[in-house]
Amino acid sequence: MSGTGKRTRWAGVLLGATVIAGCSEFRSGNLDYDLRGQSSTVAGVRQAAASRPVPDANGLITYPNYQVAIARGGDTVGMVATRVGIGARELADFNGLTPDAPLNPNAVLALPRRVAGGTTTAGRPDITAIAGSAIDRASGAPGAAPVAVQGGQEPVRHRVARGETAFSIARLYGVSPPALAEWNGLGPDLTVREGQYLLIPLVVTEDGASTIASPDPGLGAPTPIPPSASSALPEAVEAEPLPASPQLDQFRTEASEPPAPPAPAPPPTPEPAAPTGLQRPVAGDILKPFSSSNEGIDFRAPEGAAVSAAAAGTVAAITRDTDQVPILVLRHDDGLLTVYANIQNIRVEKGDSVSAGQPIASVGGGDPSFLHFEARRGFEAVDPAPLLR
C-alpha cells in the first residue's frame, strides 16, 4: 500500500493508541457502568439475573410469541440456519448480518418466523408453524425436531436502536451489563449493533422466582417528600425587643456595616508548557508537513534507517494499524505524547524508559519510504515543527 493510503487509515488507530496510553488498567470489577461515579440509588439496577433457559438439541429456545436460536462455538449464521431449518439469507437479513458472518458462542439470533412446530401455551397445535415446516420438508430444506414452548416468563426481546450500547440497554431494564452479555453471548467488549435482537435477562424476585425486567427502573421509585410538604410551617411569632446593652449595640453597628470585599483570588497556575527541544526522530527532509489532514509530520527517510526517541519518556503503547504496521507511543514527563508510525524492528517494550535520542525502531517501507511522527496532548494533535530543534 502507498504511503498516502496508509496515512488515511491511521486516524482511528492513533486515537485508540492515545486512549490506551492515557487510561489506567481496566478492572472489570470496579467499572462504573452508568458513568455516574457512584452506586445507583434504584434497587432495580442491582437485581440478580436468572439463568437463561437451556436451548434444545438444535439450539432453539421457544416462547409463546417468538423463537431464538443460540449459536455454538465456530458457528456462522448459515450454520445456525441449517441446524434449525430456515433459510440462511432469511435469518441473516432479519438479524442484520450476512450468511457467512461468524458468531460468538451463545450469541442469540432472532427467528423471523416459527420453525419446528411447537405448541401454544393453551395446548393447541401451532398451525402456522406446522405448515411452514411441511413446506420446508417438501422443498428439501432440512427440518428440526419439534420443540416445546419454554415454561415460565417470556423475556422482553429488545431490538438495538442507533446510538444504544449494552450499558444503556442494561440500565434501561435494570439489569447488569454482565448478565446482558451472558444471556446474549456478547463479546468481552460488549459490542452491539443496530438492528440486533437481545434477550433481556429475567430477574430473581425475593421469593426466588424469575420475572420480567421492567424498562426504566427509576419509574415508581419513591421520591422523598420535602419537610415543607409534610407539615405546616409554624406561625410567625413577633419577637420581643432585645434588652439594651453596650455589647449588643456594638454588634448591631458591626452587622449593619457593609462586609469587607473578598480577598483577590490567586492567579491560575499555568499549565506545563510542551518541551521546546524535541529532537528530530530521523534524519531526512519533510515529505508532508503538519496540516488538518495530516496530524503530524512525514519525514522522508530510507527504509531501515534508525528512528530515535524525540525526548526522554516511557513507552506508553505499542499497537498496529489495519495493515499490521507497528505504531509506537511515548509518554513524556510534561504529559506530551509522541507517536511514531510506519516503523519496523521495534527495539523497546511497553513500560520501558527511554532517553532522548535512543534508537527505538527502524523506518518502514513505502513509495517513498518515510516516518510519520506526531506530538499530542490528550486527543489533540499539535504541530511538532515548532518543538523540534
Protein backbone atom coordinates (compact mmCIF):
# COMPACT_ATOMS: atom_id res chain seq x y z
CA MET A 1 0.00 0.00 0.00
CA SER A 2 1.30 3.53 -0.79
CA GLY A 3 2.24 6.00 1.94
CA THR A 4 -0.86 8.10 1.22
CA GLY A 5 -3.11 5.05 1.54
CA LYS A 6 -1.56 4.11 4.86
CA ARG A 7 -1.91 7.61 6.28
CA THR A 8 -5.65 7.63 5.60
CA ARG A 9 -6.11 4.59 7.87
CA TRP A 10 -4.18 5.91 10.87
CA ALA A 11 -6.55 8.47 12.33
CA GLY A 12 -8.71 5.97 14.25
CA VAL A 13 -5.76 3.76 15.20
CA LEU A 14 -3.72 6.67 16.58
CA LEU A 15 -6.73 7.94 18.52
CA GLY A 16 -7.10 4.46 20.02
CA ALA A 17 -3.39 4.45 20.84
CA THR A 18 -3.67 7.69 22.76
CA VAL A 19 -6.65 6.30 24.66
CA ILE A 20 -4.57 3.25 25.57
CA ALA A 21 -1.70 5.48 26.60
CA GLY A 22 -3.88 7.70 28.78
CA CYS A 23 -6.09 5.12 30.51
CA SER A 24 -5.38 3.18 33.67
CA GLU A 25 -5.57 -0.59 33.71
CA PHE A 26 -9.14 -1.84 33.17
CA ARG A 27 -10.61 -3.55 36.18
CA SER A 28 -13.92 -5.17 35.39
CA GLY A 29 -14.97 -5.40 38.99
CA ASN A 30 -14.79 -1.63 39.51
CA LEU A 31 -16.22 -0.42 36.23
CA ASP A 32 -18.83 2.32 36.69
CA TYR A 33 -21.29 1.11 34.08
CA ASP A 34 -23.62 4.12 34.15
CA LEU A 35 -20.74 6.63 34.46
CA ARG A 36 -22.18 8.39 37.49
CA GLY A 37 -19.26 7.63 39.77
CA GLN A 38 -21.46 6.23 42.50
CA SER A 39 -23.73 3.30 43.26
CA SER A 40 -27.20 3.51 41.81
CA THR A 41 -29.96 4.52 44.18
CA VAL A 42 -32.50 2.41 42.28
CA ALA A 43 -32.80 -1.08 43.73
CA GLY A 44 -33.80 -2.46 40.32
CA VAL A 45 -30.35 -1.81 38.89
CA ARG A 46 -28.91 -4.30 41.37
CA GLN A 47 -31.43 -7.10 40.71
CA ALA A 48 -29.86 -10.51 40.30
CA ALA A 49 -30.40 -12.11 36.92
CA ALA A 50 -31.84 -15.59 36.47
CA SER A 51 -30.10 -18.15 34.28
CA ARG A 52 -31.02 -18.23 30.62
CA PRO A 53 -33.09 -21.28 29.62
CA VAL A 54 -31.16 -24.19 28.12
CA PRO A 55 -31.81 -24.47 24.36
CA ASP A 56 -32.91 -27.71 22.77
CA ALA A 57 -30.65 -30.04 20.79
CA ASN A 58 -30.84 -27.76 17.75
CA GLY A 59 -30.12 -24.60 19.73
CA LEU A 60 -33.70 -23.31 19.84
CA ILE A 61 -35.43 -21.53 22.71
CA THR A 62 -39.15 -21.28 22.02
CA TYR A 63 -41.51 -18.82 23.71
CA PRO A 64 -45.22 -18.27 23.01
CA ASN A 65 -44.56 -15.19 20.88
CA TYR A 66 -41.13 -15.76 19.35
CA GLN A 67 -38.18 -18.12 18.96
CA VAL A 68 -34.45 -17.55 19.16
CA ALA A 69 -31.53 -19.71 18.08
CA ILE A 70 -28.37 -19.97 20.17
CA ALA A 71 -25.02 -20.19 18.37
CA ARG A 72 -22.32 -22.70 19.21
CA GLY A 73 -18.57 -22.18 19.08
CA GLY A 74 -17.40 -21.74 15.49
CA ASP A 75 -20.91 -21.18 14.09
CA THR A 76 -21.79 -18.83 11.27
CA VAL A 77 -25.30 -17.54 10.57
CA GLY A 78 -25.63 -20.07 7.75
CA MET A 79 -24.67 -22.97 10.00
CA VAL A 80 -27.31 -21.97 12.58
CA ALA A 81 -29.91 -21.62 9.82
CA THR A 82 -29.15 -25.11 8.55
CA ARG A 83 -29.42 -26.58 12.03
CA VAL A 84 -32.80 -25.05 12.86
CA GLY A 85 -34.29 -25.48 9.37
CA ILE A 86 -34.66 -21.96 7.98
CA GLY A 87 -33.15 -20.13 5.02
CA ALA A 88 -29.71 -18.68 5.70
CA ARG A 89 -30.44 -15.44 3.84
CA GLU A 90 -33.78 -15.02 5.61
CA LEU A 91 -32.20 -15.50 9.04
CA ALA A 92 -29.25 -13.23 8.20
CA ASP A 93 -31.41 -10.39 6.85
CA PHE A 94 -33.70 -10.48 9.89
CA ASN A 95 -30.69 -10.04 12.20
CA GLY A 96 -28.78 -7.52 10.10
CA LEU A 97 -25.97 -9.95 9.25
CA THR A 98 -24.64 -11.92 6.29
CA PRO A 99 -24.98 -15.70 5.99
CA ASP A 100 -21.23 -16.19 6.41
CA ALA A 101 -20.89 -13.87 9.42
CA PRO A 102 -19.11 -15.60 12.35
CA LEU A 103 -20.92 -15.67 15.69
CA ASN A 104 -19.78 -15.61 19.29
CA PRO A 105 -20.56 -18.74 21.30
CA ASN A 106 -24.03 -18.37 22.88
CA ALA A 107 -24.92 -15.47 20.56
CA VAL A 108 -28.67 -15.01 20.08
CA LEU A 109 -30.31 -14.95 16.64
CA ALA A 110 -33.96 -13.97 16.47
CA LEU A 111 -36.09 -16.10 14.12
CA PRO A 112 -38.33 -14.24 11.65
CA ARG A 113 -40.96 -16.99 11.92
CA ARG A 114 -41.62 -20.05 14.00
CA VAL A 115 -39.89 -23.27 12.98
CA ALA A 116 -40.11 -26.90 14.04
CA GLY A 117 -43.79 -26.86 15.04
CA GLY A 118 -44.08 -26.22 18.74
CA THR A 119 -47.38 -25.97 20.59
CA THR A 120 -49.09 -22.97 22.07
CA THR A 121 -49.46 -22.37 25.81
CA ALA A 122 -53.10 -23.46 25.55
CA GLY A 123 -52.01 -26.82 24.15
CA ARG A 124 -53.42 -26.21 20.68
CA PRO A 125 -51.23 -27.08 17.67
CA ASP A 126 -49.41 -24.16 16.06
CA ILE A 127 -50.89 -24.49 12.55
CA THR A 128 -48.67 -21.82 11.03
CA ALA A 129 -45.52 -23.50 12.27
CA ILE A 130 -46.62 -26.96 11.20
CA ALA A 131 -47.50 -25.72 7.69
CA GLY A 132 -44.21 -23.88 7.37
CA SER A 133 -42.24 -26.92 8.47
CA ALA A 134 -44.11 -29.13 5.98
CA ILE A 135 -43.35 -26.72 3.13
CA ASP A 136 -39.67 -26.73 4.09
CA ARG A 137 -39.58 -30.52 4.07
CA ALA A 138 -41.30 -30.67 0.69
CA SER A 139 -38.77 -28.24 -0.80
CA GLY A 140 -35.84 -30.25 0.53
CA ALA A 141 -34.92 -27.82 3.30
CA PRO A 142 -33.62 -29.53 6.44
CA GLY A 143 -36.04 -29.53 9.35
CA ALA A 144 -35.51 -29.58 13.08
CA ALA A 145 -37.16 -31.83 15.62
CA PRO A 146 -40.31 -30.45 17.27
CA VAL A 147 -39.67 -28.24 20.27
CA ALA A 148 -41.79 -27.41 23.29
CA VAL A 149 -42.70 -23.93 24.42
CA GLN A 150 -40.43 -22.72 27.20
CA GLY A 151 -42.16 -22.55 30.56
CA GLY A 152 -42.09 -19.55 32.87
CA GLN A 153 -41.98 -15.88 32.00
CA GLU A 154 -41.20 -14.74 28.45
CA PRO A 155 -38.31 -12.26 28.40
CA VAL A 156 -38.52 -8.95 26.62
CA ARG A 157 -36.91 -9.13 23.17
CA HIS A 158 -35.20 -5.77 22.58
CA ARG A 159 -34.06 -4.55 19.17
CA VAL A 160 -31.00 -2.32 19.38
CA ALA A 161 -31.57 1.21 18.08
CA ARG A 162 -28.93 3.56 16.72
CA GLY A 163 -26.86 5.10 19.50
CA GLU A 164 -27.67 2.44 22.09
CA THR A 165 -24.98 0.48 23.89
CA ALA A 166 -25.05 -2.63 26.03
CA PHE A 167 -24.61 -0.39 29.06
CA SER A 168 -27.52 1.93 28.20
CA ILE A 169 -29.80 -1.05 27.44
CA ALA A 170 -28.85 -2.81 30.67
CA ARG A 171 -29.53 0.36 32.64
CA LEU A 172 -32.86 0.86 30.84
CA TYR A 173 -34.14 -2.52 32.04
CA GLY A 174 -32.43 -2.55 35.44
CA VAL A 175 -30.10 -5.48 34.77
CA SER A 176 -26.33 -5.67 34.91
CA PRO A 177 -24.25 -5.46 31.70
CA PRO A 178 -22.52 -8.79 32.53
CA ALA A 179 -25.92 -10.50 32.76
CA LEU A 180 -27.00 -8.98 29.45
CA ALA A 181 -23.74 -10.18 27.90
CA GLU A 182 -24.13 -13.70 29.30
CA TRP A 183 -27.71 -14.08 28.06
CA ASN A 184 -26.79 -12.87 24.56
CA GLY A 185 -23.26 -14.17 24.00
CA LEU A 186 -21.75 -10.69 23.68
CA GLY A 187 -18.00 -10.41 23.34
CA PRO A 188 -15.70 -9.07 26.07
CA ASP A 189 -16.11 -5.53 24.72
CA LEU A 190 -19.94 -5.83 24.95
CA THR A 191 -20.35 -4.58 21.38
CA VAL A 192 -23.89 -4.45 20.00
CA ARG A 193 -25.04 -3.45 16.51
CA GLU A 194 -28.02 -1.52 15.24
CA GLY A 195 -30.91 -3.88 14.49
CA GLN A 196 -29.58 -6.68 16.71
CA TYR A 197 -32.11 -8.53 18.86
CA LEU A 198 -31.24 -9.01 22.55
CA LEU A 199 -32.99 -11.06 25.21
CA ILE A 200 -33.39 -9.02 28.39
CA PRO A 201 -32.48 -11.31 31.32
CA LEU A 202 -35.20 -12.34 33.70
CA VAL A 203 -34.56 -11.21 37.26
CA VAL A 204 -34.92 -13.13 40.51
CA THR A 205 -37.55 -11.92 42.94
CA GLU A 206 -37.35 -12.11 46.73
CA ASP A 207 -39.16 -15.45 46.75
CA GLY A 208 -36.67 -16.94 44.26
CA ALA A 209 -38.98 -16.83 41.23
CA SER A 210 -37.95 -15.39 37.86
CA THR A 211 -39.80 -12.42 36.44
CA ILE A 212 -39.55 -9.91 33.61
CA ALA A 213 -37.17 -6.98 33.99
CA SER A 214 -39.20 -3.81 33.56
CA PRO A 215 -37.94 -0.89 31.45
CA ASP A 216 -36.94 2.38 33.11
CA PRO A 217 -36.30 1.09 36.64
CA GLY A 218 -36.42 4.65 38.02
CA LEU A 219 -40.17 4.78 37.45
CA GLY A 220 -42.10 4.04 40.61
CA ALA A 221 -39.19 4.70 42.95
CA PRO A 222 -40.49 6.71 45.93
CA THR A 223 -39.46 10.35 45.87
CA PRO A 224 -38.61 11.80 49.31
CA ILE A 225 -41.23 14.33 50.46
CA PRO A 226 -39.68 17.66 51.46
CA PRO A 227 -40.35 18.69 55.07
CA SER A 228 -42.32 21.75 53.91
CA ALA A 229 -44.82 19.47 52.16
CA SER A 230 -45.33 17.06 55.04
CA SER A 231 -46.05 19.54 57.82
CA ALA A 232 -47.13 23.17 58.03
CA LEU A 233 -44.61 25.82 58.96
CA PRO A 234 -45.04 27.28 62.46
CA GLU A 235 -46.92 30.56 62.69
CA ALA A 236 -44.78 33.66 62.84
CA VAL A 237 -44.24 34.95 66.35
CA GLU A 238 -43.44 38.60 66.94
CA ALA A 239 -40.01 38.83 68.51
CA GLU A 240 -39.57 40.78 71.72
CA PRO A 241 -37.02 43.61 71.59
CA LEU A 242 -33.61 42.76 72.94
CA PRO A 243 -32.60 44.50 76.16
CA ALA A 244 -30.25 47.47 75.89
CA SER A 245 -26.62 46.54 76.16
CA PRO A 246 -23.35 48.20 75.03
CA GLN A 247 -22.17 44.89 73.65
CA LEU A 248 -25.37 44.40 71.64
CA ASP A 249 -25.21 47.97 70.34
CA GLN A 250 -21.67 47.35 69.12
CA PHE A 251 -22.79 44.08 67.48
CA ARG A 252 -25.69 45.86 65.70
CA THR A 253 -23.33 48.55 64.41
CA GLU A 254 -20.86 45.99 63.05
CA ALA A 255 -23.67 43.93 61.48
CA SER A 256 -25.05 46.97 59.66
CA GLU A 257 -21.71 47.85 58.11
CA PRO A 258 -21.11 46.51 54.56
CA PRO A 259 -18.95 43.40 54.51
CA ALA A 260 -15.31 43.71 53.57
CA PRO A 261 -14.56 42.88 49.92
CA PRO A 262 -13.29 39.32 49.42
CA ALA A 263 -9.60 38.76 49.03
CA PRO A 264 -8.49 38.58 45.40
CA ALA A 265 -8.25 35.05 44.03
CA PRO A 266 -4.72 33.80 43.42
CA PRO A 267 -3.67 33.79 39.76
CA PRO A 268 -4.27 30.47 37.98
CA THR A 269 -1.37 28.07 37.84
CA PRO A 270 -0.12 27.96 34.25
CA GLU A 271 -0.24 24.57 32.55
CA PRO A 272 3.12 22.98 31.92
CA ALA A 273 4.47 24.03 28.57
CA ALA A 274 5.46 21.49 25.98
CA PRO A 275 9.17 20.82 25.78
CA THR A 276 10.88 23.25 23.45
CA GLY A 277 13.68 20.91 22.46
CA LEU A 278 12.35 17.79 20.82
CA GLN A 279 14.97 16.03 18.77
CA ARG A 280 14.25 15.07 15.18
CA PRO A 281 13.33 11.36 15.31
CA VAL A 282 15.02 10.66 11.99
CA ALA A 283 17.32 12.46 9.59
CA GLY A 284 15.63 13.49 6.36
CA ASP A 285 13.60 16.14 4.58
CA ILE A 286 9.96 16.84 5.38
CA LEU A 287 7.84 14.92 2.90
CA LYS A 288 4.49 16.17 4.19
CA PRO A 289 4.07 18.90 6.86
CA PHE A 290 1.51 19.14 9.66
CA SER A 291 -2.00 20.10 8.47
CA SER A 292 -5.67 19.48 9.15
CA SER A 293 -5.46 16.34 7.03
CA ASN A 294 -2.08 15.16 8.36
CA GLU A 295 -1.87 15.34 12.16
CA GLY A 296 1.91 15.08 12.19
CA ILE A 297 5.00 15.34 10.01
CA ASP A 298 6.13 12.77 7.46
CA PHE A 299 9.93 12.62 7.16
CA ARG A 300 11.48 11.17 4.02
CA ALA A 301 13.98 8.50 5.13
CA PRO A 302 15.41 5.28 3.70
CA GLU A 303 13.79 2.05 4.78
CA GLY A 304 15.63 0.59 7.76
CA ALA A 305 17.03 3.94 8.98
CA ALA A 306 17.16 4.29 12.76
CA VAL A 307 14.22 6.04 14.48
CA SER A 308 15.16 7.81 17.73
CA ALA A 309 13.08 8.98 20.70
CA ALA A 310 12.35 12.71 20.34
CA ALA A 311 12.64 13.17 24.13
CA ALA A 312 13.11 11.14 27.27
CA GLY A 313 9.99 9.26 28.32
CA THR A 314 8.23 5.92 28.77
CA VAL A 315 6.83 3.54 26.17
CA ALA A 316 3.08 4.00 26.71
CA ALA A 317 1.70 1.79 23.94
CA ILE A 318 2.70 -0.39 21.02
CA THR A 319 -0.14 -1.14 18.63
CA ARG A 320 -0.68 -1.80 14.90
CA ASP A 321 -2.66 -0.29 12.06
CA THR A 322 -5.09 -2.27 9.91
CA ASP A 323 -2.15 -3.40 7.73
CA GLN A 324 -0.37 -4.73 10.85
CA VAL A 325 2.30 -1.99 10.62
CA PRO A 326 3.51 -1.14 14.16
CA ILE A 327 2.78 2.19 15.86
CA LEU A 328 4.69 3.26 18.99
CA VAL A 329 3.62 5.89 21.56
CA LEU A 330 5.96 7.54 24.09
CA ARG A 331 4.68 9.45 27.14
CA HIS A 332 6.86 12.30 28.40
CA ASP A 333 7.04 13.91 31.85
CA ASP A 334 5.02 17.02 30.93
CA GLY A 335 2.13 14.93 29.58
CA LEU A 336 3.07 15.25 25.92
CA LEU A 337 2.78 12.11 23.79
CA THR A 338 4.94 11.46 20.73
CA VAL A 339 3.76 8.95 18.15
CA TYR A 340 5.93 7.05 15.64
CA ALA A 341 4.20 5.25 12.75
CA ASN A 342 5.25 3.35 9.62
CA ILE A 343 8.05 1.70 11.58
CA GLN A 344 9.53 -1.78 11.91
CA ASN A 345 12.05 -3.66 14.07
CA ILE A 346 10.88 -2.11 17.36
CA ARG A 347 13.69 -2.25 19.94
CA VAL A 348 11.74 -1.39 23.11
CA GLU A 349 8.77 -2.84 25.00
CA LYS A 350 5.76 -1.28 26.69
CA GLY A 351 6.76 0.26 30.03
CA ASP A 352 10.42 0.76 29.09
CA SER A 353 12.08 4.07 29.95
CA VAL A 354 13.93 5.67 27.05
CA SER A 355 16.31 8.59 26.79
CA ALA A 356 16.29 11.37 24.21
CA GLY A 357 17.95 10.19 21.02
CA GLN A 358 17.78 6.49 21.95
CA PRO A 359 17.07 4.26 18.92
CA ILE A 360 13.61 2.75 19.32
CA ALA A 361 12.78 1.32 15.85
CA SER A 362 13.57 1.49 12.14
CA VAL A 363 11.80 3.25 9.27
CA GLY A 364 9.24 1.13 7.42
CA GLY A 365 8.71 0.83 3.71
CA GLY A 366 6.69 2.89 1.26
CA ASP A 367 6.98 4.64 -2.08
CA PRO A 368 8.81 6.68 -0.97
CA SER A 369 9.72 5.29 2.44
CA PHE A 370 9.05 7.66 5.34
CA LEU A 371 8.45 8.05 9.10
CA HIS A 372 5.16 9.50 10.33
CA PHE A 373 5.74 11.50 13.57
CA GLU A 374 3.11 13.15 15.80
CA ALA A 375 3.01 15.16 19.01
CA ARG A 376 -0.22 15.01 21.03
CA ARG A 377 -1.74 16.40 24.20
CA GLY A 378 -4.52 14.00 25.06
CA PHE A 379 -6.68 13.68 21.96
CA GLU A 380 -5.38 16.91 20.41
CA ALA A 381 -2.58 16.80 17.85
CA VAL A 382 -0.12 19.72 17.99
CA ASP A 383 2.26 20.83 15.26
CA PRO A 384 5.63 19.22 16.08
CA ALA A 385 7.60 21.66 13.91
CA PRO A 386 7.96 24.49 16.50
CA LEU A 387 9.07 21.94 19.10
CA LEU A 388 11.82 20.38 17.01
CA ARG A 389 15.39 21.64 17.35
